[in-house]
Amino acid sequence: MKYKKSGKLIGNRLKQGDALDYDQVAIQVRYKNAESRLVDLQTQLERQYIYLSSLIGKDAHGSIPTGTDFNLGTVDLSVDGALAQAQISNYDIKVLKDRDLIAERSLPVLAANAQVGIRNGYLPRINGETPPITDDFKFNSVVGVKLTIPVYTGHRGAFQTEAAKINREMLKYSVDVTNQTLKRDLEAAQNDYNSAKNKLELSERNVFQAQYALKLANTRYQNGVLTNVEIEAAQTALKDAQFTQLQYQYQMALAKLEMSRLSGVKFW
């Protein structure tokens, strides 16, 4: 909107002979570039809404209020802390561990049991007579051993047992691979967070310098030393610096969300 207003202003000054054709063309080019950049930003925003909707299982457009900030309320997790949390909350690891438990139960199981106690009578007697219940307590115990083996014909039992063992080893290997991949992704997200944080600190000085440059430009413009195109350039430089700062904050938020997602922490 500001570019349109500036373009109209320069157009009027051009008619009056107070501006050059260059000034008008420069404003028009800057306005078109701003329009293209706005379209790109809107496209990126829509992609993030689509991605967030896939994570929370509903349309995310109404979940983020206007004027919100990047304070997500998520827990700051280290790589080790996030990896430990993933062993409990990450669904991929939980599924692999459940499959490993099922595979374990398909192996032969040897179990022993024993019972010790007292009773006041034995029911029924071998000869069919039913004795009266008395207060004479007698010692009673039961000891047994149970072997549970999947029943197959021929040598199939041995083959199935061996296959079950191999399957368990594969599942354990899959858990290890998943943890290694998870650790790599967590370290990458942590690195992205640290990188954006360092850049954010640098961008704060850029914003300060751009604000000071605009202040000087306004003073020179009021004194008639600066043209309208130059003052617009100073304003654009400040907005670009502020936008870059906002992007770093956004990247930090994305990195934190990624760590929460990988660790299985629900953040919505």
C-alpha atoms as a PDB file:
ATOM      1  CA  MET A   1       0.000   0.000   0.000  1.00  0.00           C
ATOM      2  CA  LYS A   2       2.889   2.317   0.862  1.00  0.00           C
ATOM      3  CA  TYR A   3       4.544   1.609  -2.485  1.00  0.00           C
ATOM      4  CA  LYS A   4       1.346   2.472  -4.349  1.00  0.00           C
ATOM      5  CA  LYS A   5       1.085   5.749  -2.430  1.00  0.00           C
ATOM      6  CA  SER A   6       4.756   6.533  -3.071  1.00  0.00           C
ATOM      7  CA  GLY A   7       4.361   5.697  -6.764  1.00  0.00           C
ATOM      8  CA  LYS A   8       1.415   8.055  -7.057  1.00  0.00           C
ATOM      9  CA  LEU A   9       3.322  10.770  -5.210  1.00  0.00           C
ATOM     10  CA  ILE A  10       6.342  10.441  -7.488  1.00  0.00           C
ATOM     11  CA  GLY A  11       4.043  10.408 -10.528  1.00  0.00           C
ATOM     12  CA  ASN A  12       2.640  13.779  -9.471  1.00  0.00           C
ATOM     13  CA  ARG A  13       6.132  15.130  -8.813  1.00  0.00           C
ATOM     14  CA  LEU A  14       7.225  13.839 -12.206  1.00  0.00           C
ATOM     15  CA  LYS A  15       4.470  15.844 -13.884  1.00  0.00           C
ATOM     16  CA  GLN A  16       5.596  18.905 -11.972  1.00  0.00           C
ATOM     17  CA  GLY A  17       9.213  18.340 -12.974  1.00  0.00           C
ATOM     18  CA  ASP A  18      10.382  17.656  -9.386  1.00  0.00           C
ATOM     19  CA  ALA A  19      11.281  14.001  -9.997  1.00  0.00           C
ATOM     20  CA  LEU A  20      12.965  11.840 -12.590  1.00  0.00           C
ATOM     21  CA  ASP A  21      11.605   8.919 -14.600  1.00  0.00           C
ATOM     22  CA  TYR A  22      14.153   6.781 -12.733  1.00  0.00           C
ATOM     23  CA  ASP A  23      12.407   7.520  -9.430  1.00  0.00           C
ATOM     24  CA  GLN A  24       9.062   6.331 -10.736  1.00  0.00           C
ATOM     25  CA  VAL A  25      10.490   3.186 -12.359  1.00  0.00           C
ATOM     26  CA  ALA A  26      12.464   2.338  -9.218  1.00  0.00           C
ATOM     27  CA  ILE A  27       9.324   2.540  -7.084  1.00  0.00           C
ATOM     28  CA  GLN A  28       7.357   0.410  -9.547  1.00  0.00           C
ATOM     29  CA  VAL A  29      10.070  -2.287  -9.612  1.00  0.00           C
ATOM     30  CA  ARG A  30      10.261  -2.305  -5.821  1.00  0.00           C
ATOM     31  CA  TYR A  31       6.487  -2.641  -5.577  1.00  0.00           C
ATOM     32  CA  LYS A  32       6.394  -5.590  -8.000  1.00  0.00           C
ATOM     33  CA  ASN A  33       9.192  -7.316  -6.085  1.00  0.00           C
ATOM     34  CA  ALA A  34       7.273  -6.798  -2.872  1.00  0.00           C
ATOM     35  CA  GLU A  35       4.151  -8.317  -4.425  1.00  0.00           C
ATOM     36  CA  SER A  36       6.091 -11.403  -5.571  1.00  0.00           C
ATOM     37  CA  ARG A  37       7.661 -11.796  -2.145  1.00  0.00           C
ATOM     38  CA  LEU A  38       4.252 -11.560  -0.502  1.00  0.00           C
ATOM     39  CA  VAL A  39       2.927 -14.362  -2.703  1.00  0.00           C
ATOM     40  CA  ASP A  40       5.917 -16.540  -1.761  1.00  0.00           C
ATOM     41  CA  LEU A  41       5.368 -15.883   1.942  1.00  0.00           C
ATOM     42  CA  GLN A  42       1.678 -16.690   1.699  1.00  0.00           C
ATOM     43  CA  THR A  43       2.540 -19.960  -0.089  1.00  0.00           C
ATOM     44  CA  GLN A  44       5.044 -20.899   2.629  1.00  0.00           C
ATOM     45  CA  LEU A  45       2.514 -20.071   5.324  1.00  0.00           C
ATOM     46  CA  GLU A  46      -0.125 -22.270   3.716  1.00  0.00           C
ATOM     47  CA  ARG A  47       2.361 -25.161   3.525  1.00  0.00           C
ATOM     48  CA  GLN A  48       3.043 -24.810   7.237  1.00  0.00           C
ATOM     49  CA  TYR A  49      -0.692 -24.842   7.960  1.00  0.00           C
ATOM     50  CA  ILE A  50      -1.036 -28.039   5.907  1.00  0.00           C
ATOM     51  CA  TYR A  51       1.888 -29.648   7.731  1.00  0.00           C
ATOM     52  CA  LEU A  52       0.548 -28.623  11.151  1.00  0.00           C
ATOM     53  CA  SER A  53      -2.916 -29.936  10.231  1.00  0.00           C
ATOM     54  CA  SER A  54      -1.391 -33.329   9.400  1.00  0.00           C
ATOM     55  CA  LEU A  55       0.251 -33.436  12.837  1.00  0.00           C
ATOM     56  CA  ILE A  56      -2.760 -32.473  14.949  1.00  0.00           C
ATOM     57  CA  GLY A  57      -5.353 -34.288  12.841  1.00  0.00           C
ATOM     58  CA  LYS A  58      -7.563 -31.260  12.159  1.00  0.00           C
ATOM     59  CA  ASP A  59      -7.589 -27.974  10.260  1.00  0.00           C
ATOM     60  CA  ALA A  60      -4.966 -25.748  11.887  1.00  0.00           C
ATOM     61  CA  HIS A  61      -6.098 -22.457  10.364  1.00  0.00           C
ATOM     62  CA  GLY A  62      -8.353 -21.649  13.308  1.00  0.00           C
ATOM     63  CA  SER A  63      -5.950 -22.969  15.945  1.00  0.00           C
ATOM     64  CA  ILE A  64      -3.528 -20.038  15.782  1.00  0.00           C
ATOM     65  CA  PRO A  65      -5.016 -16.714  16.933  1.00  0.00           C
ATOM     66  CA  THR A  66      -4.158 -13.468  15.190  1.00  0.00           C
ATOM     67  CA  GLY A  67      -1.289 -11.613  16.798  1.00  0.00           C
ATOM     68  CA  THR A  68       0.198 -14.689  18.442  1.00  0.00           C
ATOM     69  CA  ASP A  69       3.918 -14.945  19.138  1.00  0.00           C
ATOM     70  CA  PHE A  70       6.476 -17.737  19.004  1.00  0.00           C
ATOM     71  CA  ASN A  71       6.161 -18.634  22.682  1.00  0.00           C
ATOM     72  CA  LEU A  72       4.911 -22.170  22.087  1.00  0.00           C
ATOM     73  CA  GLY A  73       5.015 -23.345  25.682  1.00  0.00           C
ATOM     74  CA  THR A  74       6.962 -26.455  24.685  1.00  0.00           C
ATOM     75  CA  VAL A  75       9.549 -27.984  26.981  1.00  0.00           C
ATOM     76  CA  ASP A  76      13.169 -27.260  26.085  1.00  0.00           C
ATOM     77  CA  LEU A  77      14.685 -30.711  25.535  1.00  0.00           C
ATOM     78  CA  SER A  78      18.314 -31.602  25.033  1.00  0.00           C
ATOM     79  CA  VAL A  79      19.201 -34.315  22.521  1.00  0.00           C
ATOM     80  CA  ASP A  80      19.742 -36.869  25.293  1.00  0.00           C
ATOM     81  CA  GLY A  81      16.574 -35.816  27.098  1.00  0.00           C
ATOM     82  CA  ALA A  82      14.516 -35.963  23.899  1.00  0.00           C
ATOM     83  CA  LEU A  83      15.960 -39.388  23.043  1.00  0.00           C
ATOM     84  CA  ALA A  84      15.069 -40.706  26.501  1.00  0.00           C
ATOM     85  CA  GLN A  85      11.560 -39.287  26.181  1.00  0.00           C
ATOM     86  CA  ALA A  86      11.216 -40.928  22.767  1.00  0.00           C
ATOM     87  CA  GLN A  87      11.686 -44.375  24.329  1.00  0.00           C
ATOM     88  CA  ILE A  88       8.398 -43.755  26.129  1.00  0.00           C
ATOM     89  CA  SER A  89       6.391 -41.565  23.771  1.00  0.00           C
ATOM     90  CA  ASN A  90       7.658 -42.085  20.216  1.00  0.00           C
ATOM     91  CA  TYR A  91       5.127 -44.293  18.399  1.00  0.00           C
ATOM     92  CA  ASP A  92       7.637 -45.891  16.013  1.00  0.00           C
ATOM     93  CA  ILE A  93       9.760 -47.165  18.880  1.00  0.00           C
ATOM     94  CA  LYS A  94       6.710 -48.255  20.874  1.00  0.00           C
ATOM     95  CA  VAL A  95       5.411 -50.311  17.928  1.00  0.00           C
ATOM     96  CA  LEU A  96       8.777 -52.021  17.459  1.00  0.00           C
ATOM     97  CA  LYS A  97       8.975 -52.870  21.142  1.00  0.00           C
ATOM     98  CA  ASP A  98       5.428 -54.280  21.095  1.00  0.00           C
ATOM     99  CA  ARG A  99       6.306 -56.428  18.093  1.00  0.00           C
ATOM    100  CA  ASP A 100       9.401 -57.649  19.920  1.00  0.00           C
ATOM    101  CA  LEU A 101       7.233 -58.617  22.890  1.00  0.00           C
ATOM    102  CA  ILE A 102       4.896 -60.591  20.624  1.00  0.00           C
ATOM    103  CA  ALA A 103       7.855 -62.359  19.014  1.00  0.00           C
ATOM    104  CA  GLU A 104       9.209 -63.241  22.439  1.00  0.00           C
ATOM    105  CA  ARG A 105       5.940 -64.917  23.408  1.00  0.00           C
ATOM    106  CA  SER A 106       6.095 -67.168  20.347  1.00  0.00           C
ATOM    107  CA  LEU A 107       9.260 -68.858  21.658  1.00  0.00           C
ATOM    108  CA  PRO A 108       9.126 -72.022  23.848  1.00  0.00           C
ATOM    109  CA  VAL A 109       8.396 -71.144  27.475  1.00  0.00           C
ATOM    110  CA  LEU A 110       9.395 -73.247  30.497  1.00  0.00           C
ATOM    111  CA  ALA A 111       7.516 -72.281  33.644  1.00  0.00           C
ATOM    112  CA  ALA A 112       7.411 -73.726  37.172  1.00  0.00           C
ATOM    113  CA  ASN A 113       4.764 -73.169  39.796  1.00  0.00           C
ATOM    114  CA  ALA A 114       4.282 -74.166  43.417  1.00  0.00           C
ATOM    115  CA  GLN A 115       1.520 -73.744  45.989  1.00  0.00           C
ATOM    116  CA  VAL A 116       1.690 -74.240  49.729  1.00  0.00           C
ATOM    117  CA  GLY A 117      -1.178 -73.900  52.188  1.00  0.00           C
ATOM    118  CA  ILE A 118      -3.610 -75.631  54.548  1.00  0.00           C
ATOM    119  CA  ARG A 119      -7.121 -76.940  54.097  1.00  0.00           C
ATOM    120  CA  ASN A 120      -9.815 -78.413  56.340  1.00  0.00           C
ATOM    121  CA  GLY A 121     -10.970 -81.403  54.346  1.00  0.00           C
ATOM    122  CA  TYR A 122     -10.536 -83.121  50.982  1.00  0.00           C
ATOM    123  CA  LEU A 123     -13.377 -83.040  48.450  1.00  0.00           C
ATOM    124  CA  PRO A 124     -14.357 -85.521  47.155  1.00  0.00           C
ATOM    125  CA  ARG A 125     -12.959 -88.766  48.529  1.00  0.00           C
ATOM    126  CA  ILE A 126     -11.927 -91.512  46.136  1.00  0.00           C
ATOM    127  CA  ASN A 127     -14.667 -93.876  47.344  1.00  0.00           C
ATOM    128  CA  GLY A 128     -17.302 -91.280  46.583  1.00  0.00           C
ATOM    129  CA  GLU A 129     -18.107 -90.423  50.174  1.00  0.00           C
ATOM    130  CA  THR A 130     -18.205 -86.775  51.062  1.00  0.00           C
ATOM    131  CA  PRO A 131     -16.586 -86.094  54.409  1.00  0.00           C
ATOM    132  CA  PRO A 132     -17.889 -83.387  56.654  1.00  0.00           C
ATOM    133  CA  ILE A 133     -16.036 -80.101  56.796  1.00  0.00           C
ATOM    134  CA  THR A 134     -14.100 -80.031  60.072  1.00  0.00           C
ATOM    135  CA  ASP A 135     -11.819 -77.649  61.843  1.00  0.00           C
ATOM    136  CA  ASP A 136      -8.890 -80.062  61.517  1.00  0.00           C
ATOM    137  CA  PHE A 137      -6.536 -78.175  59.206  1.00  0.00           C
ATOM    138  CA  LYS A 138      -4.082 -80.235  57.233  1.00  0.00           C
ATOM    139  CA  PHE A 139      -0.984 -79.209  55.359  1.00  0.00           C
ATOM    140  CA  ASN A 140      -1.378 -79.142  51.581  1.00  0.00           C
ATOM    141  CA  SER A 141       1.120 -78.393  48.791  1.00  0.00           C
ATOM    142  CA  VAL A 142       1.271 -78.572  45.007  1.00  0.00           C
ATOM    143  CA  VAL A 143       4.402 -78.387  42.866  1.00  0.00           C
ATOM    144  CA  GLY A 144       4.405 -78.487  39.072  1.00  0.00           C
ATOM    145  CA  VAL A 145       6.431 -77.720  35.984  1.00  0.00           C
ATOM    146  CA  LYS A 146       4.918 -76.564  32.703  1.00  0.00           C
ATOM    147  CA  LEU A 147       6.607 -76.448  29.310  1.00  0.00           C
ATOM    148  CA  THR A 148       4.835 -74.498  26.582  1.00  0.00           C
ATOM    149  CA  ILE A 149       6.029 -75.166  23.040  1.00  0.00           C
ATOM    150  CA  PRO A 150       4.295 -74.166  19.805  1.00  0.00           C
ATOM    151  CA  VAL A 151       2.875 -77.374  18.304  1.00  0.00           C
ATOM    152  CA  TYR A 152       3.984 -78.194  14.759  1.00  0.00           C
ATOM    153  CA  THR A 153       4.553 -81.344  12.779  1.00  0.00           C
ATOM    154  CA  GLY A 154       7.945 -82.803  11.874  1.00  0.00           C
ATOM    155  CA  HIS A 155      10.905 -80.428  12.123  1.00  0.00           C
ATOM    156  CA  ARG A 156       8.694 -77.441  11.610  1.00  0.00           C
ATOM    157  CA  GLY A 157       8.791 -76.606  15.315  1.00  0.00           C
ATOM    158  CA  ALA A 158      12.562 -76.191  15.283  1.00  0.00           C
ATOM    159  CA  PHE A 159      12.392 -74.085  12.118  1.00  0.00           C
ATOM    160  CA  GLN A 160       9.669 -71.873  13.534  1.00  0.00           C
ATOM    161  CA  THR A 161      11.578 -71.422  16.771  1.00  0.00           C
ATOM    162  CA  GLU A 162      14.698 -70.426  14.860  1.00  0.00           C
ATOM    163  CA  ALA A 163      12.644 -68.062  12.705  1.00  0.00           C
ATOM    164  CA  ALA A 164      11.191 -66.482  15.832  1.00  0.00           C
ATOM    165  CA  LYS A 165      14.695 -65.928  17.213  1.00  0.00           C
ATOM    166  CA  ILE A 166      15.832 -64.333  13.947  1.00  0.00           C
ATOM    167  CA  ASN A 167      12.717 -62.179  13.922  1.00  0.00           C
ATOM    168  CA  ARG A 168      13.524 -60.931  17.417  1.00  0.00           C
ATOM    169  CA  GLU A 169      17.074 -60.107  16.395  1.00  0.00           C
ATOM    170  CA  MET A 170      15.747 -58.172  13.394  1.00  0.00           C
ATOM    171  CA  LEU A 171      13.348 -56.254  15.620  1.00  0.00           C
ATOM    172  CA  LYS A 172      16.130 -55.360  18.039  1.00  0.00           C
ATOM    173  CA  TYR A 173      18.229 -54.223  15.086  1.00  0.00           C
ATOM    174  CA  SER A 174      15.288 -52.120  13.852  1.00  0.00           C
ATOM    175  CA  VAL A 175      15.006 -50.487  17.269  1.00  0.00           C
ATOM    176  CA  ASP A 176      18.724 -49.671  17.209  1.00  0.00           C
ATOM    177  CA  VAL A 177      18.490 -48.242  13.687  1.00  0.00           C
ATOM    178  CA  THR A 178      15.421 -46.204  14.615  1.00  0.00           C
ATOM    179  CA  ASN A 179      17.195 -44.806  17.654  1.00  0.00           C
ATOM    180  CA  GLN A 180      20.247 -43.909  15.589  1.00  0.00           C
ATOM    181  CA  THR A 181      18.086 -42.159  12.987  1.00  0.00           C
ATOM    182  CA  LEU A 182      16.144 -40.447  15.751  1.00  0.00           C
ATOM    183  CA  LYS A 183      19.328 -39.219  17.408  1.00  0.00           C
ATOM    184  CA  ARG A 184      20.611 -37.903  14.082  1.00  0.00           C
ATOM    185  CA  ASP A 185      17.380 -36.004  13.416  1.00  0.00           C
ATOM    186  CA  LEU A 186      17.345 -34.626  16.966  1.00  0.00           C
ATOM    187  CA  GLU A 187      20.918 -33.415  16.627  1.00  0.00           C
ATOM    188  CA  ALA A 188      20.040 -31.782  13.298  1.00  0.00           C
ATOM    189  CA  ALA A 189      17.035 -30.023  14.873  1.00  0.00           C
ATOM    190  CA  GLN A 190      19.183 -28.910  17.806  1.00  0.00           C
ATOM    191  CA  ASN A 191      21.798 -27.575  15.399  1.00  0.00           C
ATOM    192  CA  ASP A 192      19.122 -25.666  13.457  1.00  0.00           C
ATOM    193  CA  TYR A 193      17.879 -24.159  16.718  1.00  0.00           C
ATOM    194  CA  ASN A 194      21.349 -23.065  17.823  1.00  0.00           C
ATOM    195  CA  SER A 195      22.140 -21.660  14.379  1.00  0.00           C
ATOM    196  CA  ALA A 196      18.921 -19.625  14.243  1.00  0.00           C
ATOM    197  CA  LYS A 197      19.513 -18.408  17.796  1.00  0.00           C
ATOM    198  CA  ASN A 198      22.998 -17.153  16.934  1.00  0.00           C
ATOM    199  CA  LYS A 199      21.720 -15.460  13.784  1.00  0.00           C
ATOM    200  CA  LEU A 200      18.894 -13.866  15.779  1.00  0.00           C
ATOM    201  CA  GLU A 201      21.419 -12.259  18.104  1.00  0.00           C
ATOM    202  CA  LEU A 202      23.308 -10.855  15.101  1.00  0.00           C
ATOM    203  CA  SER A 203      20.095  -9.632  13.458  1.00  0.00           C
ATOM    204  CA  GLU A 204      19.225  -7.527  16.497  1.00  0.00           C
ATOM    205  CA  ARG A 205      22.233  -5.310  15.746  1.00  0.00           C
ATOM    206  CA  ASN A 206      21.229  -5.110  12.090  1.00  0.00           C
ATOM    207  CA  VAL A 207      17.789  -3.876  13.100  1.00  0.00           C
ATOM    208  CA  PHE A 208      19.356  -1.270  15.371  1.00  0.00           C
ATOM    209  CA  GLN A 209      21.624  -0.048  12.575  1.00  0.00           C
ATOM    210  CA  ALA A 210      18.719   0.050  10.085  1.00  0.00           C
ATOM    211  CA  GLN A 211      16.646   2.087  12.542  1.00  0.00           C
ATOM    212  CA  TYR A 212      19.499   4.533  13.007  1.00  0.00           C
ATOM    213  CA  ALA A 213      20.039   4.767   9.235  1.00  0.00           C
ATOM    214  CA  LEU A 214      16.358   5.558   8.719  1.00  0.00           C
ATOM    215  CA  LYS A 215      16.521   8.229  11.390  1.00  0.00           C
ATOM    216  CA  LEU A 216      19.427   9.870   9.586  1.00  0.00           C
ATOM    217  CA  ALA A 217      17.655   9.515   6.247  1.00  0.00           C
ATOM    218  CA  ASN A 218      14.528  11.222   7.586  1.00  0.00           C
ATOM    219  CA  THR A 219      16.626  14.130   8.828  1.00  0.00           C
ATOM    220  CA  ARG A 220      18.343  14.522   5.468  1.00  0.00           C
ATOM    221  CA  TYR A 221      15.030  14.168   3.628  1.00  0.00           C
ATOM    222  CA  GLN A 222      13.491  16.954   5.688  1.00  0.00           C
ATOM    223  CA  ASN A 223      16.462  19.132   4.820  1.00  0.00           C
ATOM    224  CA  GLY A 224      15.963  18.403   1.134  1.00  0.00           C
ATOM    225  CA  VAL A 225      19.225  16.501   0.732  1.00  0.00           C
ATOM    226  CA  LEU A 226      17.642  13.087   0.147  1.00  0.00           C
ATOM    227  CA  THR A 227      15.213  12.015  -2.581  1.00  0.00           C
ATOM    228  CA  ASN A 228      12.005  10.115  -2.026  1.00  0.00           C
ATOM    229  CA  VAL A 229      13.506   6.964  -3.568  1.00  0.00           C
ATOM    230  CA  GLU A 230      16.388   7.037  -1.094  1.00  0.00           C
ATOM    231  CA  ILE A 231      14.084   7.440   1.900  1.00  0.00           C
ATOM    232  CA  GLU A 232      12.025   4.519   0.602  1.00  0.00           C
ATOM    233  CA  ALA A 233      15.217   2.451   0.359  1.00  0.00           C
ATOM    234  CA  ALA A 234      16.025   3.199   4.005  1.00  0.00           C
ATOM    235  CA  GLN A 235      12.512   2.211   5.064  1.00  0.00           C
ATOM    236  CA  THR A 236      12.746  -0.990   3.037  1.00  0.00           C
ATOM    237  CA  ALA A 237      16.117  -1.839   4.619  1.00  0.00           C
ATOM    238  CA  LEU A 238      14.592  -1.570   8.089  1.00  0.00           C
ATOM    239  CA  LYS A 239      11.610  -3.746   7.166  1.00  0.00           C
ATOM    240  CA  ASP A 240      13.933  -6.327   5.625  1.00  0.00           C
ATOM    241  CA  ALA A 241      16.052  -6.421   8.796  1.00  0.00           C
ATOM    242  CA  GLN A 242      12.941  -6.818  10.971  1.00  0.00           C
ATOM    243  CA  PHE A 243      11.592  -9.515   8.673  1.00  0.00           C
ATOM    244  CA  THR A 244      14.889 -11.416   8.821  1.00  0.00           C
ATOM    245  CA  GLN A 245      14.763 -11.223  12.599  1.00  0.00           C
ATOM    246  CA  LEU A 246      11.238 -12.625  12.519  1.00  0.00           C
ATOM    247  CA  GLN A 247      12.352 -15.470  10.270  1.00  0.00           C
ATOM    248  CA  TYR A 248      15.050 -16.517  12.746  1.00  0.00           C
ATOM    249  CA  GLN A 249      12.477 -16.582  15.542  1.00  0.00           C
ATOM    250  CA  TYR A 250      10.269 -18.712  13.316  1.00  0.00           C
ATOM    251  CA  GLN A 251      13.127 -21.117  12.558  1.00  0.00           C
ATOM    252  CA  MET A 252      13.801 -21.503  16.279  1.00  0.00           C
ATOM    253  CA  ALA A 253      10.136 -22.316  16.869  1.00  0.00           C
ATOM    254  CA  LEU A 254      10.148 -24.900  14.065  1.00  0.00           C
ATOM    255  CA  ALA A 255      13.257 -26.568  15.496  1.00  0.00           C
ATOM    256  CA  LYS A 256      11.648 -26.836  18.936  1.00  0.00           C
ATOM    257  CA  LEU A 257       8.481 -28.292  17.416  1.00  0.00           C
ATOM    258  CA  GLU A 258      10.549 -30.816  15.460  1.00  0.00           C
ATOM    259  CA  MET A 259      12.319 -31.975  18.614  1.00  0.00           C
ATOM    260  CA  SER A 260       8.980 -32.314  20.375  1.00  0.00           C
ATOM    261  CA  ARG A 261       7.565 -34.293  17.449  1.00  0.00           C
ATOM    262  CA  LEU A 262      10.538 -36.666  17.299  1.00  0.00           C
ATOM    263  CA  SER A 263      10.445 -37.267  21.034  1.00  0.00           C
ATOM    264  CA  GLY A 264       6.713 -37.979  20.910  1.00  0.00           C
ATOM    265  CA  VAL A 265       5.727 -35.013  23.077  1.00  0.00           C
ATOM    266  CA  LYS A 266       2.261 -33.709  22.207  1.00  0.00           C
ATOM    267  CA  PHE A 267       2.517 -29.947  21.699  1.00  0.00           C
ATOM    268  CA  TRP A 268      -1.054 -29.106  20.637  1.00  0.00           C
END
